[in-house]
Amino acid sequence: MEAYEQTAARLRQLISDGGIGEDGRIPPERVLASELGVGRRSLRRALDILESEGRISRQQGRGTFVQASPFASATAGSEVLDNILEHTNPQEVIELRLATEPVIARLAALRASQCDIKKLQRLAAETRAAAGAESYEQADQAFHRAIVEASRNALFLAVFDAVGASRRDEAWRRIGENAHCYKRQAVHADFHMEIVAAIAARDGERAQTAMYRHLSDIQQHILRHAFSLHALPAAAPAN
């Protein structure tokens, strides 16, 4: 595990235990890096991850804050949910996303504020500009979460955050590394731009269709990747 990943894990635990951000505010980077005994670069990358997961929010001129979820205590303490997430797989996750995120995109088209739309446009641009698999994954997670936030449905957001935890496992990491090439990144970024354009135009049907096409494309890649992992070598010709 990389240093920034270890730092992110420590911060998750501290936030969960109430050992940081007791008043809702995260200490400044300089102070927090000193308290954790880590470099500021690793800390920034860890904070980027937590922001993409929806655990913290950065407010320009004000600081960084713990992002409270109305369902946080329920999801964090649910042994049933933890067990499900432990035993799920990428195919099941994408099936759930296909069933929910197109509807969420439709709601976002109806409910997003201008501030939401500007944020989505920025995040969509970040997915196009990402320089590698890791930075793309963070930008992609933040983009999709921002759409859920714009839908103004707290239950959808709680489910998204819970399912998002499963994307940190090794299976997702392998798929992300395998999937990431600049050609595929450009395809996904085009989908993101299309989704944002539909939301900005308040066209719920177009947003829903664009999200479904985007996630269907990801599903097809997952299926191809799974098939390639399980494909058997051709039998040697009989003598």
C-alpha atoms as a PDB file:
ATOM      1  CA  MET A   1       0.000   0.000   0.000  1.00  0.00           C
ATOM      2  CA  GLU A   2       1.372   3.414  -0.988  1.00  0.00           C
ATOM      3  CA  ALA A   3       2.027   6.070   1.655  1.00  0.00           C
ATOM      4  CA  TYR A   4      -0.915   8.228   0.544  1.00  0.00           C
ATOM      5  CA  GLU A   5      -3.240   5.184   0.694  1.00  0.00           C
ATOM      6  CA  GLN A   6      -2.095   4.454   4.246  1.00  0.00           C
ATOM      7  CA  THR A   7      -2.718   8.102   5.103  1.00  0.00           C
ATOM      8  CA  ALA A   8      -6.196   7.959   3.567  1.00  0.00           C
ATOM      9  CA  ALA A   9      -6.981   4.832   5.602  1.00  0.00           C
ATOM     10  CA  ARG A  10      -5.814   6.543   8.813  1.00  0.00           C
ATOM     11  CA  LEU A  11      -7.929   9.593   8.063  1.00  0.00           C
ATOM     12  CA  ARG A  12     -11.009   7.455   7.387  1.00  0.00           C
ATOM     13  CA  GLN A  13     -10.548   5.778  10.746  1.00  0.00           C
ATOM     14  CA  LEU A  14      -9.971   9.057  12.562  1.00  0.00           C
ATOM     15  CA  ILE A  15     -13.096  10.578  11.025  1.00  0.00           C
ATOM     16  CA  SER A  16     -15.118   7.460  11.864  1.00  0.00           C
ATOM     17  CA  ASP A  17     -13.849   7.496  15.472  1.00  0.00           C
ATOM     18  CA  GLY A  18     -14.454  11.215  15.850  1.00  0.00           C
ATOM     19  CA  GLY A  19     -10.756  11.803  16.410  1.00  0.00           C
ATOM     20  CA  ILE A  20     -10.535  14.494  13.778  1.00  0.00           C
ATOM     21  CA  GLY A  21     -12.847  17.241  12.699  1.00  0.00           C
ATOM     22  CA  GLU A  22     -14.838  17.142  15.946  1.00  0.00           C
ATOM     23  CA  ASP A  23     -16.203  20.603  15.171  1.00  0.00           C
ATOM     24  CA  GLY A  24     -16.619  19.670  11.515  1.00  0.00           C
ATOM     25  CA  ARG A  25     -13.368  21.333  10.447  1.00  0.00           C
ATOM     26  CA  ILE A  26     -10.214  19.472   9.396  1.00  0.00           C
ATOM     27  CA  PRO A  27      -6.950  21.066  10.629  1.00  0.00           C
ATOM     28  CA  PRO A  28      -4.858  22.948   8.048  1.00  0.00           C
ATOM     29  CA  GLU A  29      -2.598  20.766   5.885  1.00  0.00           C
ATOM     30  CA  ARG A  30       0.594  21.906   7.610  1.00  0.00           C
ATOM     31  CA  VAL A  31      -0.784  21.057  11.054  1.00  0.00           C
ATOM     32  CA  LEU A  32      -2.381  17.784   9.975  1.00  0.00           C
ATOM     33  CA  ALA A  33       0.750  16.594   8.155  1.00  0.00           C
ATOM     34  CA  SER A  34       2.784  17.237  11.309  1.00  0.00           C
ATOM     35  CA  GLU A  35       0.261  15.437  13.528  1.00  0.00           C
ATOM     36  CA  LEU A  36       0.197  12.381  11.239  1.00  0.00           C
ATOM     37  CA  GLY A  37       3.935  12.416  10.574  1.00  0.00           C
ATOM     38  CA  VAL A  38       3.491  12.390   6.784  1.00  0.00           C
ATOM     39  CA  GLY A  39       4.583  14.589   3.914  1.00  0.00           C
ATOM     40  CA  ARG A  40       2.206  17.224   2.615  1.00  0.00           C
ATOM     41  CA  ARG A  41       2.192  15.659  -0.860  1.00  0.00           C
ATOM     42  CA  SER A  42       0.956  12.322   0.512  1.00  0.00           C
ATOM     43  CA  LEU A  43      -1.559  14.160   2.667  1.00  0.00           C
ATOM     44  CA  ARG A  44      -2.940  16.100  -0.313  1.00  0.00           C
ATOM     45  CA  ARG A  45      -3.387  12.912  -2.320  1.00  0.00           C
ATOM     46  CA  ALA A  46      -5.110  11.261   0.649  1.00  0.00           C
ATOM     47  CA  LEU A  47      -7.442  14.250   1.009  1.00  0.00           C
ATOM     48  CA  ASP A  48      -8.207  14.067  -2.725  1.00  0.00           C
ATOM     49  CA  ILE A  49      -9.331  10.469  -2.223  1.00  0.00           C
ATOM     50  CA  LEU A  50     -11.506  11.342   0.778  1.00  0.00           C
ATOM     51  CA  GLU A  51     -13.074  14.218  -1.152  1.00  0.00           C
ATOM     52  CA  SER A  52     -13.887  11.902  -4.077  1.00  0.00           C
ATOM     53  CA  GLU A  53     -15.510   9.513  -1.584  1.00  0.00           C
ATOM     54  CA  GLY A  54     -17.629  12.330  -0.184  1.00  0.00           C
ATOM     55  CA  ARG A  55     -16.102  12.124   3.284  1.00  0.00           C
ATOM     56  CA  ILE A  56     -14.789  15.698   3.263  1.00  0.00           C
ATOM     57  CA  SER A  57     -15.514  18.911   1.397  1.00  0.00           C
ATOM     58  CA  ARG A  58     -13.108  21.710   0.567  1.00  0.00           C
ATOM     59  CA  GLN A  59     -14.495  25.226   0.685  1.00  0.00           C
ATOM     60  CA  GLN A  60     -12.326  27.926  -0.816  1.00  0.00           C
ATOM     61  CA  GLY A  61     -11.385  30.539   1.733  1.00  0.00           C
ATOM     62  CA  ARG A  62     -12.927  28.579   4.604  1.00  0.00           C
ATOM     63  CA  GLY A  63     -11.047  25.294   4.851  1.00  0.00           C
ATOM     64  CA  THR A  64     -11.745  21.560   4.744  1.00  0.00           C
ATOM     65  CA  PHE A  65     -14.718  20.026   6.542  1.00  0.00           C
ATOM     66  CA  VAL A  66     -15.994  16.573   7.413  1.00  0.00           C
ATOM     67  CA  GLN A  67     -18.959  15.869   5.169  1.00  0.00           C
ATOM     68  CA  ALA A  68     -21.795  14.555   7.295  1.00  0.00           C
ATOM     69  CA  SER A  69     -24.210  12.043   5.774  1.00  0.00           C
ATOM     70  CA  PRO A  70     -27.666  11.558   7.291  1.00  0.00           C
ATOM     71  CA  PHE A  71     -27.141   7.811   6.875  1.00  0.00           C
ATOM     72  CA  ALA A  72     -23.489   7.654   7.911  1.00  0.00           C
ATOM     73  CA  SER A  73     -23.993   5.922  11.239  1.00  0.00           C
ATOM     74  CA  ALA A  74     -26.399   3.387   9.771  1.00  0.00           C
ATOM     75  CA  THR A  75     -24.157   2.378   6.884  1.00  0.00           C
ATOM     76  CA  ALA A  76     -20.969   2.393   8.935  1.00  0.00           C
ATOM     77  CA  GLY A  77     -22.444   0.101  11.576  1.00  0.00           C
ATOM     78  CA  SER A  78     -24.312  -2.286   9.316  1.00  0.00           C
ATOM     79  CA  GLU A  79     -22.766  -5.742   9.488  1.00  0.00           C
ATOM     80  CA  VAL A  80     -25.147  -6.928   6.776  1.00  0.00           C
ATOM     81  CA  LEU A  81     -24.007  -4.229   4.370  1.00  0.00           C
ATOM     82  CA  ASP A  82     -20.361  -4.811   5.207  1.00  0.00           C
ATOM     83  CA  ASN A  83     -20.786  -8.497   4.457  1.00  0.00           C
ATOM     84  CA  ILE A  84     -22.472  -7.784   1.128  1.00  0.00           C
ATOM     85  CA  LEU A  85     -19.752  -5.385   0.045  1.00  0.00           C
ATOM     86  CA  GLU A  86     -17.059  -7.837   1.088  1.00  0.00           C
ATOM     87  CA  HIS A  87     -18.476 -10.553  -1.156  1.00  0.00           C
ATOM     88  CA  THR A  88     -19.680  -8.536  -4.133  1.00  0.00           C
ATOM     89  CA  ASN A  89     -17.812  -8.140  -7.419  1.00  0.00           C
ATOM     90  CA  PRO A  90     -17.426  -5.486 -10.132  1.00  0.00           C
ATOM     91  CA  GLN A  91     -20.131  -7.026 -12.319  1.00  0.00           C
ATOM     92  CA  GLU A  92     -22.707  -6.803  -9.516  1.00  0.00           C
ATOM     93  CA  VAL A  93     -21.658  -3.240  -8.748  1.00  0.00           C
ATOM     94  CA  ILE A  94     -22.077  -2.115 -12.350  1.00  0.00           C
ATOM     95  CA  GLU A  95     -25.479  -3.834 -12.534  1.00  0.00           C
ATOM     96  CA  LEU A  96     -26.597  -1.826  -9.500  1.00  0.00           C
ATOM     97  CA  ARG A  97     -25.220   1.356 -11.016  1.00  0.00           C
ATOM     98  CA  LEU A  98     -27.045   0.676 -14.289  1.00  0.00           C
ATOM     99  CA  ALA A  99     -30.285   0.306 -12.358  1.00  0.00           C
ATOM    100  CA  THR A 100     -29.882   3.550 -10.392  1.00  0.00           C
ATOM    101  CA  GLU A 101     -27.534   6.125 -11.921  1.00  0.00           C
ATOM    102  CA  PRO A 102     -29.502   6.783 -15.136  1.00  0.00           C
ATOM    103  CA  VAL A 103     -32.539   7.675 -12.979  1.00  0.00           C
ATOM    104  CA  ILE A 104     -30.274   9.775 -10.753  1.00  0.00           C
ATOM    105  CA  ALA A 105     -29.001  11.665 -13.814  1.00  0.00           C
ATOM    106  CA  ARG A 106     -32.604  12.394 -14.824  1.00  0.00           C
ATOM    107  CA  LEU A 107     -33.309  13.801 -11.353  1.00  0.00           C
ATOM    108  CA  ALA A 108     -30.111  15.868 -11.472  1.00  0.00           C
ATOM    109  CA  ALA A 109     -31.283  17.462 -14.722  1.00  0.00           C
ATOM    110  CA  LEU A 110     -34.405  18.604 -12.919  1.00  0.00           C
ATOM    111  CA  ARG A 111     -32.841  19.648  -9.610  1.00  0.00           C
ATOM    112  CA  ALA A 112     -29.220  20.730 -10.162  1.00  0.00           C
ATOM    113  CA  SER A 113     -28.295  24.285  -9.261  1.00  0.00           C
ATOM    114  CA  GLN A 114     -26.038  26.404 -11.430  1.00  0.00           C
ATOM    115  CA  CYS A 115     -23.300  25.791  -8.860  1.00  0.00           C
ATOM    116  CA  ASP A 116     -23.820  22.030  -9.289  1.00  0.00           C
ATOM    117  CA  ILE A 117     -23.570  22.334 -13.054  1.00  0.00           C
ATOM    118  CA  LYS A 118     -20.338  24.327 -12.875  1.00  0.00           C
ATOM    119  CA  LYS A 119     -18.874  21.699 -10.553  1.00  0.00           C
ATOM    120  CA  LEU A 120     -19.892  18.911 -12.938  1.00  0.00           C
ATOM    121  CA  GLN A 121     -18.330  20.731 -15.875  1.00  0.00           C
ATOM    122  CA  ARG A 122     -15.082  21.119 -13.927  1.00  0.00           C
ATOM    123  CA  LEU A 123     -15.019  17.471 -12.867  1.00  0.00           C
ATOM    124  CA  ALA A 124     -15.813  16.256 -16.380  1.00  0.00           C
ATOM    125  CA  ALA A 125     -12.865  18.284 -17.647  1.00  0.00           C
ATOM    126  CA  GLU A 126     -10.673  16.733 -14.939  1.00  0.00           C
ATOM    127  CA  THR A 127     -11.535  13.222 -16.111  1.00  0.00           C
ATOM    128  CA  ARG A 128     -10.348  14.175 -19.586  1.00  0.00           C
ATOM    129  CA  ALA A 129      -7.141  15.767 -18.292  1.00  0.00           C
ATOM    130  CA  ALA A 130      -6.212  13.004 -15.812  1.00  0.00           C
ATOM    131  CA  ALA A 131      -2.640  11.842 -16.378  1.00  0.00           C
ATOM    132  CA  GLY A 132      -2.996   8.241 -15.194  1.00  0.00           C
ATOM    133  CA  ALA A 133      -5.315   5.506 -13.933  1.00  0.00           C
ATOM    134  CA  GLU A 134      -5.210   6.667 -10.321  1.00  0.00           C
ATOM    135  CA  SER A 135      -5.993  10.331 -10.971  1.00  0.00           C
ATOM    136  CA  TYR A 136      -8.672   9.343 -13.490  1.00  0.00           C
ATOM    137  CA  GLU A 137     -10.364   7.022 -10.983  1.00  0.00           C
ATOM    138  CA  GLN A 138     -10.478   9.795  -8.384  1.00  0.00           C
ATOM    139  CA  ALA A 139     -11.899  12.319 -10.856  1.00  0.00           C
ATOM    140  CA  ASP A 140     -14.408   9.779 -12.173  1.00  0.00           C
ATOM    141  CA  GLN A 141     -15.628   8.902  -8.669  1.00  0.00           C
ATOM    142  CA  ALA A 142     -15.983  12.594  -7.804  1.00  0.00           C
ATOM    143  CA  PHE A 143     -17.884  13.276 -11.054  1.00  0.00           C
ATOM    144  CA  HIS A 144     -20.443  10.536 -10.519  1.00  0.00           C
ATOM    145  CA  ARG A 145     -20.879  11.447  -6.867  1.00  0.00           C
ATOM    146  CA  ALA A 146     -21.509  15.080  -7.794  1.00  0.00           C
ATOM    147  CA  ILE A 147     -24.378  13.944 -10.036  1.00  0.00           C
ATOM    148  CA  VAL A 148     -25.892  12.034  -7.111  1.00  0.00           C
ATOM    149  CA  GLU A 149     -25.524  15.131  -4.919  1.00  0.00           C
ATOM    150  CA  ALA A 150     -27.281  17.194  -7.589  1.00  0.00           C
ATOM    151  CA  SER A 151     -30.225  14.763  -7.548  1.00  0.00           C
ATOM    152  CA  ARG A 152     -30.995  15.971  -3.994  1.00  0.00           C
ATOM    153  CA  ASN A 153     -31.806  12.441  -2.816  1.00  0.00           C
ATOM    154  CA  ALA A 154     -30.059  11.540   0.427  1.00  0.00           C
ATOM    155  CA  LEU A 155     -30.844   7.833   0.153  1.00  0.00           C
ATOM    156  CA  PHE A 156     -29.289   7.574  -3.304  1.00  0.00           C
ATOM    157  CA  LEU A 157     -26.224   9.362  -1.937  1.00  0.00           C
ATOM    158  CA  ALA A 158     -25.906   6.984   1.017  1.00  0.00           C
ATOM    159  CA  VAL A 159     -26.134   3.947  -1.282  1.00  0.00           C
ATOM    160  CA  PHE A 160     -23.615   5.449  -3.699  1.00  0.00           C
ATOM    161  CA  ASP A 161     -21.119   6.065  -0.901  1.00  0.00           C
ATOM    162  CA  ALA A 162     -21.566   2.561   0.502  1.00  0.00           C
ATOM    163  CA  VAL A 163     -21.116   0.931  -2.904  1.00  0.00           C
ATOM    164  CA  GLY A 164     -18.185   3.226  -3.624  1.00  0.00           C
ATOM    165  CA  ALA A 165     -16.289   1.544  -0.791  1.00  0.00           C
ATOM    166  CA  SER A 166     -16.253  -1.677  -2.807  1.00  0.00           C
ATOM    167  CA  ARG A 167     -14.381   0.084  -5.627  1.00  0.00           C
ATOM    168  CA  ARG A 168     -11.279   0.326  -3.457  1.00  0.00           C
ATOM    169  CA  ASP A 169     -10.660  -3.437  -3.479  1.00  0.00           C
ATOM    170  CA  GLU A 170      -8.067  -5.289  -5.541  1.00  0.00           C
ATOM    171  CA  ALA A 171     -10.528  -6.446  -8.203  1.00  0.00           C
ATOM    172  CA  TRP A 172     -11.478  -2.864  -9.033  1.00  0.00           C
ATOM    173  CA  ARG A 173      -7.834  -1.820  -8.993  1.00  0.00           C
ATOM    174  CA  ARG A 174      -6.943  -4.466 -11.580  1.00  0.00           C
ATOM    175  CA  ILE A 175      -9.864  -3.509 -13.796  1.00  0.00           C
ATOM    176  CA  GLY A 176      -9.027   0.181 -13.487  1.00  0.00           C
ATOM    177  CA  GLU A 177      -5.404  -0.370 -14.429  1.00  0.00           C
ATOM    178  CA  ASN A 178      -6.403  -2.629 -17.315  1.00  0.00           C
ATOM    179  CA  ALA A 179      -9.121  -0.268 -18.527  1.00  0.00           C
ATOM    180  CA  HIS A 180      -7.052   2.877 -18.407  1.00  0.00           C
ATOM    181  CA  CYS A 181      -5.578   3.932 -21.678  1.00  0.00           C
ATOM    182  CA  TYR A 182      -5.906   7.318 -23.269  1.00  0.00           C
ATOM    183  CA  LYS A 183      -8.306   5.997 -25.909  1.00  0.00           C
ATOM    184  CA  ARG A 184     -10.740   4.683 -23.296  1.00  0.00           C
ATOM    185  CA  GLN A 185     -10.265   7.763 -21.129  1.00  0.00           C
ATOM    186  CA  ALA A 186     -11.291   9.967 -24.050  1.00  0.00           C
ATOM    187  CA  VAL A 187     -14.396   7.831 -24.643  1.00  0.00           C
ATOM    188  CA  HIS A 188     -15.464   8.083 -20.999  1.00  0.00           C
ATOM    189  CA  ALA A 189     -14.724  11.817 -20.903  1.00  0.00           C
ATOM    190  CA  ASP A 190     -16.932  12.294 -23.981  1.00  0.00           C
ATOM    191  CA  PHE A 191     -19.747  10.491 -22.175  1.00  0.00           C
ATOM    192  CA  HIS A 192     -19.216  12.726 -19.144  1.00  0.00           C
ATOM    193  CA  MET A 193     -19.427  15.854 -21.291  1.00  0.00           C
ATOM    194  CA  GLU A 194     -22.604  14.541 -22.915  1.00  0.00           C
ATOM    195  CA  ILE A 195     -24.185  13.850 -19.526  1.00  0.00           C
ATOM    196  CA  VAL A 196     -23.277  17.295 -18.202  1.00  0.00           C
ATOM    197  CA  ALA A 197     -24.621  18.988 -21.335  1.00  0.00           C
ATOM    198  CA  ALA A 198     -27.951  17.216 -20.889  1.00  0.00           C
ATOM    199  CA  ILE A 199     -28.142  18.159 -17.203  1.00  0.00           C
ATOM    200  CA  ALA A 200     -27.283  21.782 -18.009  1.00  0.00           C
ATOM    201  CA  ALA A 201     -30.036  21.797 -20.659  1.00  0.00           C
ATOM    202  CA  ARG A 202     -32.512  20.382 -18.115  1.00  0.00           C
ATOM    203  CA  ASP A 203     -33.111  17.471 -20.471  1.00  0.00           C
ATOM    204  CA  GLY A 204     -33.779  14.593 -18.090  1.00  0.00           C
ATOM    205  CA  GLU A 205     -34.473  11.995 -20.763  1.00  0.00           C
ATOM    206  CA  ARG A 206     -31.227  12.765 -22.583  1.00  0.00           C
ATOM    207  CA  ALA A 207     -29.261  12.714 -19.313  1.00  0.00           C
ATOM    208  CA  GLN A 208     -30.764   9.347 -18.396  1.00  0.00           C
ATOM    209  CA  THR A 209     -29.983   7.867 -21.820  1.00  0.00           C
ATOM    210  CA  ALA A 210     -26.422   9.215 -21.841  1.00  0.00           C
ATOM    211  CA  MET A 211     -25.711   7.785 -18.388  1.00  0.00           C
ATOM    212  CA  TYR A 212     -27.126   4.403 -19.386  1.00  0.00           C
ATOM    213  CA  ARG A 213     -24.961   4.300 -22.523  1.00  0.00           C
ATOM    214  CA  HIS A 214     -21.902   5.287 -20.476  1.00  0.00           C
ATOM    215  CA  LEU A 215     -22.386   2.601 -17.832  1.00  0.00           C
ATOM    216  CA  SER A 216     -23.298  -0.017 -20.458  1.00  0.00           C
ATOM    217  CA  ASP A 217     -19.972   0.697 -22.142  1.00  0.00           C
ATOM    218  CA  ILE A 218     -18.179   0.121 -18.824  1.00  0.00           C
ATOM    219  CA  GLN A 219     -20.160  -3.077 -18.263  1.00  0.00           C
ATOM    220  CA  GLN A 220     -19.081  -4.436 -21.635  1.00  0.00           C
ATOM    221  CA  HIS A 221     -15.453  -3.789 -20.773  1.00  0.00           C
ATOM    222  CA  ILE A 222     -15.843  -5.573 -17.423  1.00  0.00           C
ATOM    223  CA  LEU A 223     -17.355  -8.586 -19.175  1.00  0.00           C
ATOM    224  CA  ARG A 224     -14.563  -8.671 -21.753  1.00  0.00           C
ATOM    225  CA  HIS A 225     -11.956  -8.366 -19.000  1.00  0.00           C
ATOM    226  CA  ALA A 226     -13.567 -11.155 -16.952  1.00  0.00           C
ATOM    227  CA  PHE A 227     -13.737 -13.402 -20.026  1.00  0.00           C
ATOM    228  CA  SER A 228     -10.071 -12.827 -20.825  1.00  0.00           C
ATOM    229  CA  LEU A 229      -9.098 -13.770 -17.252  1.00  0.00           C
ATOM    230  CA  HIS A 230     -11.051 -17.018 -17.366  1.00  0.00           C
ATOM    231  CA  ALA A 231     -10.440 -18.022 -20.975  1.00  0.00           C
ATOM    232  CA  LEU A 232      -8.648 -21.332 -21.262  1.00  0.00           C
ATOM    233  CA  PRO A 233      -5.661 -21.761 -23.576  1.00  0.00           C
ATOM    234  CA  ALA A 234      -6.384 -23.582 -26.811  1.00  0.00           C
ATOM    235  CA  ALA A 235      -5.889 -27.336 -26.654  1.00  0.00           C
ATOM    236  CA  ALA A 236      -2.808 -28.712 -28.385  1.00  0.00           C
ATOM    237  CA  PRO A 237      -3.592 -30.530 -31.643  1.00  0.00           C
ATOM    238  CA  ALA A 238      -3.825 -34.302 -31.323  1.00  0.00           C
ATOM    239  CA  ASN A 239      -0.959 -36.346 -32.720  1.00  0.00           C
END
